[in-house]
Amino acid sequence: MKARTALLLGSLSAALVAFALTSPRVVAADKVDSVADAKAFQNFFFQKFPDVKHEDFVNGPYSMNADMKRQWQEKEEFPPYEFALDAGKEMFSTPFKNGKTYADCFPNGGIGIRQNYPYFDDKEGKVVTLELALNRCREANGEAPYSYVKDEMASLTAYMAFTSRGKLMDIKIPDDPRALAAFENGKRYFYTRRGQLNFSCASCHVQSPGERIRAEILAPALGILNAMPIYRSEWSGMGTTSRRFITCNSQTRAVPLEPQADEYRDVEYFLSYVANGLPISGPGARP
């Protein structure tokens, strides 16, 4: 077991070094070229998996494995996340105690806008995710915030994602050094190793998509957030983006951050921006 683990870590280390030599370096915010970064990121996956249609990367491990793709297509006839869609739709339309609804907090009444989140708030100087925006809407209308890792938030974001299916991810980075710094900080977090296993996010989702770790087939990083939130069989329920980040940290035996910590918001900004042009497919389902 130890030998297999060492071999895996060794091969991942070598692959990450090779990728680092061909990827943009971490530089000062005023020298960040987010457009070039996104192009290089997408081209890496397009070249690594030339047989995968570009729009299919959003389907995660199902885009990597023909048998799994068939199983997923069958599962989509009776999707396991349907209960969350029903709950989310009802929650979204139910008025708060003051008579307003979530629709009052978002452009276009909150319908068909998932592809525009997260965004950089120039007043606050930070990234605002959809999950954060939903809780701020609740608090602004006198309601208690929801947990970022439980069913209520997953159901709301599932419904909002569903109304945006097929729309192309369209994340903006304004000409603001703080926005560029947030993008760069997210990229840095994505590639930084942490935890007892000394893994980075890229260890699994850049170097090893399509491969198995334990019983799980790893998803590619490209388009990984387009399918969020997701139903996971191992959870027997829905999971938000916040839950996914926390779980990933725990799986590498790193100390998870608080939900919606700046680092998590920034890495969501980075991963969403480099997926620009790929369709929203959420909510999704995973083994």
C-alpha atoms as a PDB file:
ATOM      1  CA  MET A   1       0.000   0.000   0.000  1.00  0.00           C
ATOM      2  CA  LYS A   2       2.788   2.422   0.956  1.00  0.00           C
ATOM      3  CA  ALA A   3       4.667   1.559  -2.236  1.00  0.00           C
ATOM      4  CA  ARG A   4       1.613   2.221  -4.394  1.00  0.00           C
ATOM      5  CA  THR A   5       1.011   5.534  -2.639  1.00  0.00           C
ATOM      6  CA  ALA A   6       4.636   6.562  -3.108  1.00  0.00           C
ATOM      7  CA  LEU A   7       4.483   5.631  -6.777  1.00  0.00           C
ATOM      8  CA  LEU A   8       1.306   7.668  -7.257  1.00  0.00           C
ATOM      9  CA  LEU A   9       2.751  10.676  -5.489  1.00  0.00           C
ATOM     10  CA  GLY A  10       5.950  10.386  -7.502  1.00  0.00           C
ATOM     11  CA  SER A  11       4.163  10.255 -10.833  1.00  0.00           C
ATOM     12  CA  LEU A  12       1.918  13.148  -9.880  1.00  0.00           C
ATOM     13  CA  SER A  13       4.913  15.209  -8.806  1.00  0.00           C
ATOM     14  CA  ALA A  14       6.668  14.622 -12.100  1.00  0.00           C
ATOM     15  CA  ALA A  15       3.573  15.493 -14.075  1.00  0.00           C
ATOM     16  CA  LEU A  16       2.968  18.656 -12.104  1.00  0.00           C
ATOM     17  CA  VAL A  17       6.538  19.791 -12.689  1.00  0.00           C
ATOM     18  CA  ALA A  18       6.072  19.229 -16.421  1.00  0.00           C
ATOM     19  CA  PHE A  19       2.829  21.185 -16.419  1.00  0.00           C
ATOM     20  CA  ALA A  20       4.350  24.015 -14.388  1.00  0.00           C
ATOM     21  CA  LEU A  21       7.024  24.471 -17.044  1.00  0.00           C
ATOM     22  CA  THR A  22       4.364  25.139 -19.670  1.00  0.00           C
ATOM     23  CA  SER A  23       1.894  27.161 -17.572  1.00  0.00           C
ATOM     24  CA  PRO A  24       1.935  30.856 -16.666  1.00  0.00           C
ATOM     25  CA  ARG A  25       3.951  31.684 -13.569  1.00  0.00           C
ATOM     26  CA  VAL A  26       2.524  33.387 -10.518  1.00  0.00           C
ATOM     27  CA  VAL A  27       3.343  37.055 -10.968  1.00  0.00           C
ATOM     28  CA  ALA A  28       2.359  40.423  -9.584  1.00  0.00           C
ATOM     29  CA  ALA A  29      -1.281  41.394 -10.138  1.00  0.00           C
ATOM     30  CA  ASP A  30      -0.351  44.178 -12.586  1.00  0.00           C
ATOM     31  CA  LYS A  31       1.315  41.566 -14.822  1.00  0.00           C
ATOM     32  CA  VAL A  32      -1.427  38.937 -14.700  1.00  0.00           C
ATOM     33  CA  ASP A  33      -2.745  37.951 -18.126  1.00  0.00           C
ATOM     34  CA  SER A  34      -5.986  36.173 -17.262  1.00  0.00           C
ATOM     35  CA  VAL A  35      -6.978  35.787 -20.918  1.00  0.00           C
ATOM     36  CA  ALA A  36      -3.730  33.990 -21.746  1.00  0.00           C
ATOM     37  CA  ASP A  37      -4.051  31.877 -18.592  1.00  0.00           C
ATOM     38  CA  ALA A  38      -7.559  30.758 -19.543  1.00  0.00           C
ATOM     39  CA  LYS A  39      -6.514  29.954 -23.096  1.00  0.00           C
ATOM     40  CA  ALA A  40      -3.529  27.919 -21.912  1.00  0.00           C
ATOM     41  CA  PHE A  41      -5.659  26.101 -19.328  1.00  0.00           C
ATOM     42  CA  GLN A  42      -8.302  25.120 -21.874  1.00  0.00           C
ATOM     43  CA  ASN A  43      -5.761  24.143 -24.525  1.00  0.00           C
ATOM     44  CA  PHE A  44      -4.005  21.869 -22.037  1.00  0.00           C
ATOM     45  CA  PHE A  45      -7.179  19.803 -21.638  1.00  0.00           C
ATOM     46  CA  PHE A  46      -8.169  19.973 -25.293  1.00  0.00           C
ATOM     47  CA  GLN A  47      -4.767  18.577 -26.267  1.00  0.00           C
ATOM     48  CA  LYS A  48      -4.633  16.032 -23.448  1.00  0.00           C
ATOM     49  CA  PHE A  49      -8.081  14.665 -24.372  1.00  0.00           C
ATOM     50  CA  PRO A  50      -8.475  15.317 -28.117  1.00  0.00           C
ATOM     51  CA  ASP A  51     -11.423  12.913 -28.418  1.00  0.00           C
ATOM     52  CA  VAL A  52     -13.544  14.733 -25.847  1.00  0.00           C
ATOM     53  CA  LYS A  53     -15.865  17.366 -27.270  1.00  0.00           C
ATOM     54  CA  HIS A  54     -15.098  20.705 -25.694  1.00  0.00           C
ATOM     55  CA  GLU A  55     -18.593  21.148 -24.300  1.00  0.00           C
ATOM     56  CA  ASP A  56     -18.465  17.673 -22.719  1.00  0.00           C
ATOM     57  CA  PHE A  57     -15.800  18.587 -20.185  1.00  0.00           C
ATOM     58  CA  VAL A  58     -18.567  20.017 -17.997  1.00  0.00           C
ATOM     59  CA  ASN A  59     -19.839  16.466 -17.500  1.00  0.00           C
ATOM     60  CA  GLY A  60     -16.835  15.641 -15.342  1.00  0.00           C
ATOM     61  CA  PRO A  61     -15.791  11.976 -15.146  1.00  0.00           C
ATOM     62  CA  TYR A  62     -18.555  11.012 -17.586  1.00  0.00           C
ATOM     63  CA  SER A  63     -16.639  12.787 -20.336  1.00  0.00           C
ATOM     64  CA  MET A  64     -13.596  10.611 -19.583  1.00  0.00           C
ATOM     65  CA  ASN A  65     -15.184   7.177 -19.686  1.00  0.00           C
ATOM     66  CA  ALA A  66     -17.599   5.814 -22.302  1.00  0.00           C
ATOM     67  CA  ASP A  67     -19.222   3.279 -19.958  1.00  0.00           C
ATOM     68  CA  MET A  68     -19.776   5.918 -17.293  1.00  0.00           C
ATOM     69  CA  LYS A  69     -21.211   8.284 -19.895  1.00  0.00           C
ATOM     70  CA  ARG A  70     -23.817   5.691 -20.881  1.00  0.00           C
ATOM     71  CA  GLN A  71     -24.701   5.147 -17.219  1.00  0.00           C
ATOM     72  CA  TRP A  72     -25.020   8.909 -16.733  1.00  0.00           C
ATOM     73  CA  GLN A  73     -27.276   9.280 -19.763  1.00  0.00           C
ATOM     74  CA  GLU A  74     -29.533   6.577 -18.362  1.00  0.00           C
ATOM     75  CA  LYS A  75     -29.480   8.231 -14.928  1.00  0.00           C
ATOM     76  CA  GLU A  76     -30.508  11.564 -16.435  1.00  0.00           C
ATOM     77  CA  GLU A  77     -33.854  10.024 -17.449  1.00  0.00           C
ATOM     78  CA  PHE A  78     -34.696   9.913 -13.725  1.00  0.00           C
ATOM     79  CA  PRO A  79     -32.146  12.323 -12.228  1.00  0.00           C
ATOM     80  CA  PRO A  80     -31.318  11.828  -8.544  1.00  0.00           C
ATOM     81  CA  TYR A  81     -31.247  15.593  -8.007  1.00  0.00           C
ATOM     82  CA  GLU A  82     -34.871  16.102  -9.073  1.00  0.00           C
ATOM     83  CA  PHE A  83     -36.027  16.418  -5.465  1.00  0.00           C
ATOM     84  CA  ALA A  84     -33.623  19.348  -5.006  1.00  0.00           C
ATOM     85  CA  LEU A  85     -34.965  21.093  -8.108  1.00  0.00           C
ATOM     86  CA  ASP A  86     -38.513  20.850  -6.801  1.00  0.00           C
ATOM     87  CA  ALA A  87     -37.500  22.099  -3.359  1.00  0.00           C
ATOM     88  CA  GLY A  88     -35.358  24.888  -4.795  1.00  0.00           C
ATOM     89  CA  LYS A  89     -38.098  26.141  -7.094  1.00  0.00           C
ATOM     90  CA  GLU A  90     -40.559  26.310  -4.208  1.00  0.00           C
ATOM     91  CA  MET A  91     -38.050  28.040  -1.925  1.00  0.00           C
ATOM     92  CA  PHE A  92     -37.133  30.531  -4.626  1.00  0.00           C
ATOM     93  CA  SER A  93     -40.735  31.612  -5.189  1.00  0.00           C
ATOM     94  CA  THR A  94     -41.842  31.622  -1.537  1.00  0.00           C
ATOM     95  CA  PRO A  95     -41.948  35.202  -0.187  1.00  0.00           C
ATOM     96  CA  PHE A  96     -39.888  36.260   2.795  1.00  0.00           C
ATOM     97  CA  LYS A  97     -41.705  37.566   5.843  1.00  0.00           C
ATOM     98  CA  ASN A  98     -41.495  41.088   4.373  1.00  0.00           C
ATOM     99  CA  GLY A  99     -43.217  39.988   1.172  1.00  0.00           C
ATOM    100  CA  LYS A 100     -40.156  40.102  -1.094  1.00  0.00           C
ATOM    101  CA  THR A 101     -38.533  37.108  -2.766  1.00  0.00           C
ATOM    102  CA  TYR A 102     -35.105  36.080  -4.043  1.00  0.00           C
ATOM    103  CA  ALA A 103     -36.122  37.474  -7.424  1.00  0.00           C
ATOM    104  CA  ASP A 104     -35.941  40.981  -5.949  1.00  0.00           C
ATOM    105  CA  CYS A 105     -32.233  40.541  -5.228  1.00  0.00           C
ATOM    106  CA  PHE A 106     -30.954  39.448  -8.630  1.00  0.00           C
ATOM    107  CA  PRO A 107     -30.836  40.646 -12.231  1.00  0.00           C
ATOM    108  CA  ASN A 108     -33.540  39.138 -14.454  1.00  0.00           C
ATOM    109  CA  GLY A 109     -35.375  37.982 -11.344  1.00  0.00           C
ATOM    110  CA  GLY A 110     -32.635  35.435 -10.670  1.00  0.00           C
ATOM    111  CA  ILE A 111     -33.555  33.323 -13.715  1.00  0.00           C
ATOM    112  CA  GLY A 112     -30.853  32.300 -16.180  1.00  0.00           C
ATOM    113  CA  ILE A 113     -27.994  34.106 -14.418  1.00  0.00           C
ATOM    114  CA  ARG A 114     -25.865  31.274 -12.995  1.00  0.00           C
ATOM    115  CA  GLN A 115     -23.262  31.734 -15.763  1.00  0.00           C
ATOM    116  CA  ASN A 116     -22.397  35.195 -14.399  1.00  0.00           C
ATOM    117  CA  TYR A 117     -21.328  33.991 -10.947  1.00  0.00           C
ATOM    118  CA  PRO A 118     -19.015  34.496  -9.226  1.00  0.00           C
ATOM    119  CA  TYR A 119     -18.314  38.143  -9.976  1.00  0.00           C
ATOM    120  CA  PHE A 120     -15.912  40.721  -8.595  1.00  0.00           C
ATOM    121  CA  ASP A 121     -17.592  43.420  -6.505  1.00  0.00           C
ATOM    122  CA  ASP A 122     -15.640  46.639  -7.057  1.00  0.00           C
ATOM    123  CA  LYS A 123     -17.215  48.307  -4.015  1.00  0.00           C
ATOM    124  CA  GLU A 124     -16.299  45.521  -1.628  1.00  0.00           C
ATOM    125  CA  GLY A 125     -13.096  44.672  -3.455  1.00  0.00           C
ATOM    126  CA  LYS A 126     -13.809  40.945  -3.231  1.00  0.00           C
ATOM    127  CA  VAL A 127     -15.341  38.051  -5.155  1.00  0.00           C
ATOM    128  CA  VAL A 128     -19.050  37.393  -4.619  1.00  0.00           C
ATOM    129  CA  THR A 129     -20.274  33.858  -5.261  1.00  0.00           C
ATOM    130  CA  LEU A 130     -23.853  32.815  -5.929  1.00  0.00           C
ATOM    131  CA  GLU A 131     -24.042  31.087  -2.548  1.00  0.00           C
ATOM    132  CA  LEU A 132     -22.842  34.237  -0.799  1.00  0.00           C
ATOM    133  CA  ALA A 133     -25.246  36.416  -2.790  1.00  0.00           C
ATOM    134  CA  LEU A 134     -28.179  34.212  -1.794  1.00  0.00           C
ATOM    135  CA  ASN A 135     -27.383  34.497   1.906  1.00  0.00           C
ATOM    136  CA  ARG A 136     -26.875  38.245   1.608  1.00  0.00           C
ATOM    137  CA  CYS A 137     -30.298  38.424  -0.020  1.00  0.00           C
ATOM    138  CA  ARG A 138     -31.794  36.529   2.890  1.00  0.00           C
ATOM    139  CA  GLU A 139     -30.130  38.732   5.492  1.00  0.00           C
ATOM    140  CA  ALA A 140     -31.100  41.928   3.666  1.00  0.00           C
ATOM    141  CA  ASN A 141     -34.709  40.783   3.910  1.00  0.00           C
ATOM    142  CA  GLY A 142     -34.616  39.890   7.593  1.00  0.00           C
ATOM    143  CA  GLU A 143     -34.062  36.152   7.178  1.00  0.00           C
ATOM    144  CA  ALA A 144     -31.392  33.994   8.798  1.00  0.00           C
ATOM    145  CA  PRO A 145     -28.635  32.791   6.445  1.00  0.00           C
ATOM    146  CA  TYR A 146     -28.546  29.177   5.340  1.00  0.00           C
ATOM    147  CA  SER A 147     -25.635  26.829   5.943  1.00  0.00           C
ATOM    148  CA  TYR A 148     -23.337  26.825   2.919  1.00  0.00           C
ATOM    149  CA  VAL A 149     -22.960  23.058   3.029  1.00  0.00           C
ATOM    150  CA  LYS A 150     -26.515  21.804   3.601  1.00  0.00           C
ATOM    151  CA  ASP A 151     -29.602  20.988   1.585  1.00  0.00           C
ATOM    152  CA  GLU A 152     -31.306  24.387   1.520  1.00  0.00           C
ATOM    153  CA  MET A 153     -28.414  26.148  -0.198  1.00  0.00           C
ATOM    154  CA  ALA A 154     -27.870  23.168  -2.509  1.00  0.00           C
ATOM    155  CA  SER A 155     -31.524  23.197  -3.551  1.00  0.00           C
ATOM    156  CA  LEU A 156     -31.604  26.925  -4.240  1.00  0.00           C
ATOM    157  CA  THR A 157     -28.432  26.864  -6.338  1.00  0.00           C
ATOM    158  CA  ALA A 158     -29.632  23.706  -8.121  1.00  0.00           C
ATOM    159  CA  TYR A 159     -32.785  25.474  -9.272  1.00  0.00           C
ATOM    160  CA  MET A 160     -30.892  28.600 -10.345  1.00  0.00           C
ATOM    161  CA  ALA A 161     -28.351  26.476 -12.237  1.00  0.00           C
ATOM    162  CA  PHE A 162     -31.140  24.549 -13.945  1.00  0.00           C
ATOM    163  CA  THR A 163     -32.672  27.786 -15.258  1.00  0.00           C
ATOM    164  CA  SER A 164     -29.282  28.555 -16.821  1.00  0.00           C
ATOM    165  CA  ARG A 165     -28.552  25.199 -18.442  1.00  0.00           C
ATOM    166  CA  GLY A 166     -26.872  25.565 -21.796  1.00  0.00           C
ATOM    167  CA  LYS A 167     -25.847  29.154 -21.204  1.00  0.00           C
ATOM    168  CA  LEU A 168     -22.113  29.682 -21.573  1.00  0.00           C
ATOM    169  CA  MET A 169     -20.013  30.568 -18.558  1.00  0.00           C
ATOM    170  CA  ASP A 170     -19.325  34.290 -18.802  1.00  0.00           C
ATOM    171  CA  ILE A 171     -17.175  35.480 -15.909  1.00  0.00           C
ATOM    172  CA  LYS A 172     -15.700  38.969 -16.111  1.00  0.00           C
ATOM    173  CA  ILE A 173     -12.439  40.208 -14.674  1.00  0.00           C
ATOM    174  CA  PRO A 174     -12.670  44.008 -14.604  1.00  0.00           C
ATOM    175  CA  ASP A 175      -9.662  46.222 -15.204  1.00  0.00           C
ATOM    176  CA  ASP A 176      -9.007  46.438 -11.488  1.00  0.00           C
ATOM    177  CA  PRO A 177      -5.789  45.244  -9.838  1.00  0.00           C
ATOM    178  CA  ARG A 178      -7.829  43.807  -6.971  1.00  0.00           C
ATOM    179  CA  ALA A 179      -9.811  41.617  -9.365  1.00  0.00           C
ATOM    180  CA  LEU A 180      -6.635  40.428 -11.069  1.00  0.00           C
ATOM    181  CA  ALA A 181      -5.143  39.708  -7.647  1.00  0.00           C
ATOM    182  CA  ALA A 182      -8.222  37.643  -6.710  1.00  0.00           C
ATOM    183  CA  PHE A 183      -7.859  35.625  -9.924  1.00  0.00           C
ATOM    184  CA  GLU A 184      -4.166  35.089  -9.275  1.00  0.00           C
ATOM    185  CA  ASN A 185      -4.756  34.164  -5.640  1.00  0.00           C
ATOM    186  CA  GLY A 186      -7.312  31.602  -6.780  1.00  0.00           C
ATOM    187  CA  LYS A 187      -4.849  30.136  -9.252  1.00  0.00           C
ATOM    188  CA  ARG A 188      -2.163  30.006  -6.576  1.00  0.00           C
ATOM    189  CA  TYR A 189      -4.497  28.200  -4.179  1.00  0.00           C
ATOM    190  CA  PHE A 190      -5.421  25.709  -6.914  1.00  0.00           C
ATOM    191  CA  TYR A 191      -1.801  24.752  -7.578  1.00  0.00           C
ATOM    192  CA  THR A 192      -0.482  24.861  -4.004  1.00  0.00           C
ATOM    193  CA  ARG A 193       0.125  21.548  -2.281  1.00  0.00           C
ATOM    194  CA  ARG A 194      -1.292  21.098   1.207  1.00  0.00           C
ATOM    195  CA  GLY A 195      -2.281  18.529   3.780  1.00  0.00           C
ATOM    196  CA  GLN A 196      -0.604  15.341   4.929  1.00  0.00           C
ATOM    197  CA  LEU A 197      -0.904  13.870   1.431  1.00  0.00           C
ATOM    198  CA  ASN A 198       0.824  16.927  -0.057  1.00  0.00           C
ATOM    199  CA  PHE A 199      -1.744  17.202  -2.840  1.00  0.00           C
ATOM    200  CA  SER A 200      -2.925  20.290  -4.655  1.00  0.00           C
ATOM    201  CA  CYS A 201      -6.261  20.610  -6.445  1.00  0.00           C
ATOM    202  CA  ALA A 202      -4.267  20.183  -9.667  1.00  0.00           C
ATOM    203  CA  SER A 203      -2.777  16.886  -8.503  1.00  0.00           C
ATOM    204  CA  CYS A 204      -6.104  15.179  -9.130  1.00  0.00           C
ATOM    205  CA  HIS A 205      -7.970  17.427 -11.524  1.00  0.00           C
ATOM    206  CA  VAL A 206      -5.213  18.512 -13.936  1.00  0.00           C
ATOM    207  CA  GLN A 207      -2.779  15.611 -13.924  1.00  0.00           C
ATOM    208  CA  SER A 208      -5.091  12.658 -13.325  1.00  0.00           C
ATOM    209  CA  PRO A 209      -8.617  13.209 -14.713  1.00  0.00           C
ATOM    210  CA  GLY A 210     -10.137   9.952 -15.883  1.00  0.00           C
ATOM    211  CA  GLU A 211      -7.982   7.936 -13.496  1.00  0.00           C
ATOM    212  CA  ARG A 212      -9.190   6.252 -10.332  1.00  0.00           C
ATOM    213  CA  ILE A 213      -8.357   7.096  -6.763  1.00  0.00           C
ATOM    214  CA  ARG A 214     -10.020   4.460  -4.627  1.00  0.00           C
ATOM    215  CA  ALA A 215     -13.459   3.994  -6.245  1.00  0.00           C
ATOM    216  CA  GLU A 216     -13.668   7.506  -7.678  1.00  0.00           C
ATOM    217  CA  ILE A 217     -12.931   8.489 -11.266  1.00  0.00           C
ATOM    218  CA  LEU A 218     -11.400  11.937 -11.156  1.00  0.00           C
ATOM    219  CA  ALA A 219     -13.052  14.806 -12.999  1.00  0.00           C
ATOM    220  CA  PRO A 220     -11.122  17.298 -15.135  1.00  0.00           C
ATOM    221  CA  ALA A 221     -10.691  20.754 -13.623  1.00  0.00           C
ATOM    222  CA  LEU A 222     -11.933  22.341 -16.840  1.00  0.00           C
ATOM    223  CA  GLY A 223     -15.663  22.902 -16.423  1.00  0.00           C
ATOM    224  CA  ILE A 224     -15.745  21.264 -12.989  1.00  0.00           C
ATOM    225  CA  LEU A 225     -17.875  24.049 -11.483  1.00  0.00           C
ATOM    226  CA  ASN A 226     -20.271  24.288 -14.440  1.00  0.00           C
ATOM    227  CA  ALA A 227     -22.123  21.258 -13.074  1.00  0.00           C
ATOM    228  CA  MET A 228     -22.443  22.512  -9.494  1.00  0.00           C
ATOM    229  CA  PRO A 229     -24.229  21.809  -7.269  1.00  0.00           C
ATOM    230  CA  ILE A 230     -24.053  18.050  -7.598  1.00  0.00           C
ATOM    231  CA  TYR A 231     -25.729  14.968  -6.234  1.00  0.00           C
ATOM    232  CA  ARG A 232     -23.107  12.504  -5.030  1.00  0.00           C
ATOM    233  CA  SER A 233     -23.929   8.913  -4.248  1.00  0.00           C
ATOM    234  CA  GLU A 234     -21.364   8.883  -1.436  1.00  0.00           C
ATOM    235  CA  TRP A 235     -23.223  11.801   0.170  1.00  0.00           C
ATOM    236  CA  SER A 236     -26.674  10.368  -0.571  1.00  0.00           C
ATOM    237  CA  GLY A 237     -27.659  13.943  -1.281  1.00  0.00           C
ATOM    238  CA  MET A 238     -26.758  17.264  -2.839  1.00  0.00           C
ATOM    239  CA  GLY A 239     -23.542  19.167  -2.329  1.00  0.00           C
ATOM    240  CA  THR A 240     -22.764  22.834  -2.856  1.00  0.00           C
ATOM    241  CA  THR A 241     -19.533  24.256  -4.209  1.00  0.00           C
ATOM    242  CA  SER A 242     -18.585  25.107  -0.628  1.00  0.00           C
ATOM    243  CA  ARG A 243     -19.108  21.508   0.430  1.00  0.00           C
ATOM    244  CA  ARG A 244     -17.011  20.268  -2.492  1.00  0.00           C
ATOM    245  CA  PHE A 245     -14.059  22.507  -1.572  1.00  0.00           C
ATOM    246  CA  ILE A 246     -14.215  21.510   2.089  1.00  0.00           C
ATOM    247  CA  THR A 247     -14.439  17.821   1.190  1.00  0.00           C
ATOM    248  CA  CYS A 248     -11.436  18.087  -1.135  1.00  0.00           C
ATOM    249  CA  ASN A 249      -9.361  19.654   1.642  1.00  0.00           C
ATOM    250  CA  SER A 250     -10.420  16.912   4.045  1.00  0.00           C
ATOM    251  CA  GLN A 251      -9.590  14.167   1.536  1.00  0.00           C
ATOM    252  CA  THR A 252      -6.011  15.447   1.268  1.00  0.00           C
ATOM    253  CA  ARG A 253      -5.897  15.621   5.084  1.00  0.00           C
ATOM    254  CA  ALA A 254      -5.592  19.393   5.003  1.00  0.00           C
ATOM    255  CA  VAL A 255      -7.419  21.697   7.390  1.00  0.00           C
ATOM    256  CA  PRO A 256     -10.534  22.981   5.591  1.00  0.00           C
ATOM    257  CA  LEU A 257     -11.248  26.695   5.562  1.00  0.00           C
ATOM    258  CA  GLU A 258     -14.517  28.258   6.625  1.00  0.00           C
ATOM    259  CA  PRO A 259     -17.174  28.209   3.883  1.00  0.00           C
ATOM    260  CA  GLN A 260     -16.893  31.319   1.694  1.00  0.00           C
ATOM    261  CA  ALA A 261     -13.420  32.141   2.962  1.00  0.00           C
ATOM    262  CA  ASP A 262     -11.596  34.505   0.614  1.00  0.00           C
ATOM    263  CA  GLU A 263      -9.404  31.661  -0.656  1.00  0.00           C
ATOM    264  CA  TYR A 264     -12.411  29.525  -1.601  1.00  0.00           C
ATOM    265  CA  ARG A 265     -14.115  32.453  -3.292  1.00  0.00           C
ATOM    266  CA  ASP A 266     -10.944  33.244  -5.234  1.00  0.00           C
ATOM    267  CA  VAL A 267     -10.400  29.673  -6.409  1.00  0.00           C
ATOM    268  CA  GLU A 268     -14.048  29.569  -7.526  1.00  0.00           C
ATOM    269  CA  TYR A 269     -13.371  32.790  -9.473  1.00  0.00           C
ATOM    270  CA  PHE A 270     -10.303  31.257 -11.106  1.00  0.00           C
ATOM    271  CA  LEU A 271     -11.961  27.946 -12.027  1.00  0.00           C
ATOM    272  CA  SER A 272     -15.078  29.658 -13.338  1.00  0.00           C
ATOM    273  CA  TYR A 273     -13.157  32.172 -15.445  1.00  0.00           C
ATOM    274  CA  VAL A 274     -10.993  29.510 -17.127  1.00  0.00           C
ATOM    275  CA  ALA A 275     -14.236  27.674 -18.002  1.00  0.00           C
ATOM    276  CA  ASN A 276     -15.612  30.665 -19.926  1.00  0.00           C
ATOM    277  CA  GLY A 277     -17.350  29.568 -23.099  1.00  0.00           C
ATOM    278  CA  LEU A 278     -18.387  26.164 -21.729  1.00  0.00           C
ATOM    279  CA  PRO A 279     -22.069  25.552 -20.943  1.00  0.00           C
ATOM    280  CA  ILE A 280     -23.702  25.428 -17.543  1.00  0.00           C
ATOM    281  CA  SER A 281     -24.795  21.824 -16.923  1.00  0.00           C
ATOM    282  CA  GLY A 282     -25.838  21.958 -13.277  1.00  0.00           C
ATOM    283  CA  PRO A 283     -27.206  20.494 -11.263  1.00  0.00           C
ATOM    284  CA  GLY A 284     -25.114  17.427 -11.859  1.00  0.00           C
ATOM    285  CA  ALA A 285     -24.784  13.920 -10.483  1.00  0.00           C
ATOM    286  CA  ARG A 286     -21.646  12.025  -9.573  1.00  0.00           C
ATOM    287  CA  PRO A 287     -20.924   8.556  -8.178  1.00  0.00           C
END
